[in-house]
Amino acid sequence: MKKKHADRLLSGYLLSGIVSFSVFIIFVVLLSFAVIFEKTDMTLYFIVLLAGFLWIGVTSISRHVFVMLKKYIGKEISVLEFLSTQFAALLFPFLYMKLRKEVRIYGEKEVKAGDTEDTG
């Protein structure tokens, strides 16, 4: 049961990271569009502002899921690791691969602990 919860948290982190990365790309494209065409109306600025807020919000959700998962599997979070989650749009693939490995190791430990309890 515990392994399923860790897998759900990992899937939630993957989803929020992908959404964060996608919204970041949309934000950069809209911002580039606004810079290239120097005269834009207020609607484009409003959409850029909303995209920026959405990016910040999804990044915060991604960070929260990351912290919850690390605490769930019993790992300590360093300050540098916590701050690196703010750059989810840039560092997400690396953080996800590291976290997936940690969850796999946690799952293997749980299986071994379950086997020793069953035989003991």
Protein backbone atom coordinates (compact mmCIF):
# COMPACT_ATOMS: atom_id res chain seq x y z
CA MET A 1 0.00 0.00 0.00
CA LYS A 2 2.79 2.43 0.86
CA LYS A 3 4.52 1.86 -2.44
CA LYS A 4 1.37 2.80 -4.29
CA HIS A 5 1.20 6.08 -2.39
CA ALA A 6 4.82 6.88 -3.29
CA ASP A 7 4.09 6.06 -6.92
CA ARG A 8 1.05 8.36 -6.87
CA LEU A 9 3.13 11.18 -5.46
CA LEU A 10 5.79 10.56 -8.10
CA SER A 11 3.14 10.63 -10.82
CA GLY A 12 1.77 13.87 -9.36
CA TYR A 13 5.25 15.35 -9.44
CA LEU A 14 5.67 14.28 -13.06
CA LEU A 15 2.35 15.83 -14.04
CA SER A 16 2.97 19.10 -12.22
CA GLY A 17 6.49 19.30 -13.64
CA ILE A 18 5.28 18.79 -17.20
CA VAL A 19 2.55 21.40 -16.74
CA SER A 20 5.07 23.81 -15.20
CA PHE A 21 7.46 23.33 -18.10
CA SER A 22 4.65 23.77 -20.65
CA VAL A 23 3.32 26.93 -19.03
CA PHE A 24 6.86 28.31 -18.86
CA ILE A 25 7.26 27.77 -22.61
CA ILE A 26 3.91 29.47 -23.25
CA PHE A 27 4.94 32.36 -21.00
CA VAL A 28 8.26 32.82 -22.83
CA VAL A 29 6.58 32.67 -26.25
CA LEU A 30 3.96 35.24 -25.24
CA LEU A 31 6.61 37.47 -23.71
CA SER A 32 8.74 37.20 -26.85
CA PHE A 33 5.71 38.02 -28.96
CA ALA A 34 5.08 41.13 -26.85
CA VAL A 35 8.72 42.24 -27.18
CA ILE A 36 8.94 41.61 -30.92
CA PHE A 37 5.76 43.56 -31.67
CA GLU A 38 6.52 46.64 -29.65
CA LYS A 39 2.99 47.96 -29.86
CA THR A 40 0.57 45.56 -28.25
CA ASP A 41 -2.74 46.07 -26.57
CA MET A 42 -3.57 45.55 -22.94
CA THR A 43 -5.12 42.13 -23.64
CA LEU A 44 -1.76 40.59 -24.53
CA TYR A 45 -0.16 42.02 -21.41
CA PHE A 46 -3.00 40.63 -19.34
CA ILE A 47 -2.57 37.17 -20.90
CA VAL A 48 1.20 37.32 -20.30
CA LEU A 49 0.54 38.27 -16.68
CA LEU A 50 -1.91 35.39 -16.24
CA ALA A 51 0.55 32.95 -17.83
CA GLY A 52 3.24 34.16 -15.43
CA PHE A 53 0.96 33.69 -12.43
CA LEU A 54 -0.02 30.23 -13.67
CA TRP A 55 3.64 29.31 -14.07
CA ILE A 56 4.40 30.45 -10.51
CA GLY A 57 1.39 28.56 -9.15
CA VAL A 58 2.14 25.30 -10.92
CA THR A 59 5.79 25.53 -9.89
CA SER A 60 4.66 25.91 -6.27
CA ILE A 61 2.46 22.82 -6.60
CA SER A 62 5.38 20.92 -8.10
CA ARG A 63 7.60 21.99 -5.22
CA HIS A 64 4.99 20.95 -2.66
CA VAL A 65 4.60 17.48 -4.19
CA PHE A 66 8.40 17.14 -4.32
CA VAL A 67 8.72 17.99 -0.62
CA MET A 68 5.84 15.67 0.34
CA LEU A 69 7.37 12.78 -1.57
CA LYS A 70 10.83 13.32 -0.10
CA LYS A 71 9.37 13.38 3.42
CA TYR A 72 7.25 10.31 2.69
CA ILE A 73 10.22 8.20 1.62
CA GLY A 74 12.20 9.45 4.62
CA LYS A 75 14.80 11.58 2.84
CA GLU A 76 16.09 14.90 4.09
CA ILE A 77 15.79 17.91 1.82
CA SER A 78 18.83 20.14 1.60
CA VAL A 79 18.48 23.89 1.19
CA LEU A 80 20.08 23.77 -2.26
CA GLU A 81 17.73 20.98 -3.34
CA PHE A 82 14.71 22.92 -2.06
CA LEU A 83 15.78 26.07 -3.88
CA SER A 84 16.46 24.14 -7.08
CA THR A 85 12.79 23.17 -7.23
CA GLN A 86 11.99 26.80 -8.06
CA PHE A 87 13.68 26.20 -11.41
CA ALA A 88 11.32 23.35 -12.28
CA ALA A 89 11.16 24.51 -15.89
CA LEU A 90 14.91 24.05 -16.31
CA LEU A 91 15.94 21.34 -13.83
CA PHE A 92 12.80 19.19 -13.85
CA PRO A 93 14.19 16.27 -15.91
CA PHE A 94 17.21 15.92 -13.63
CA LEU A 95 15.20 16.22 -10.42
CA TYR A 96 12.62 13.74 -11.67
CA MET A 97 15.21 11.11 -12.64
CA LYS A 98 16.89 11.43 -9.24
CA LEU A 99 13.57 11.25 -7.42
CA ARG A 100 12.40 8.25 -9.46
CA LYS A 101 15.58 6.40 -8.49
CA GLU A 102 15.03 7.24 -4.81
CA VAL A 103 11.41 6.03 -4.97
CA ARG A 104 12.54 2.79 -6.63
CA ILE A 105 15.11 2.22 -3.88
CA TYR A 106 12.46 3.00 -1.26
CA GLY A 107 10.09 0.49 -2.89
CA GLU A 108 12.77 -2.21 -2.89
CA LYS A 109 13.45 -1.59 0.81
CA GLU A 110 9.73 -1.85 1.57
CA VAL A 111 9.47 -5.13 -0.31
CA LYS A 112 12.49 -6.53 1.54
CA ALA A 113 11.05 -5.36 4.86
CA GLY A 114 7.72 -6.99 3.99
CA ASP A 115 9.44 -10.26 3.10
CA THR A 116 11.32 -10.41 6.39
CA GLU A 117 8.11 -9.68 8.35
CA ASP A 118 6.24 -12.46 6.52
CA THR A 119 8.94 -15.06 7.19
CA GLY A 120 9.64 -13.91 10.75
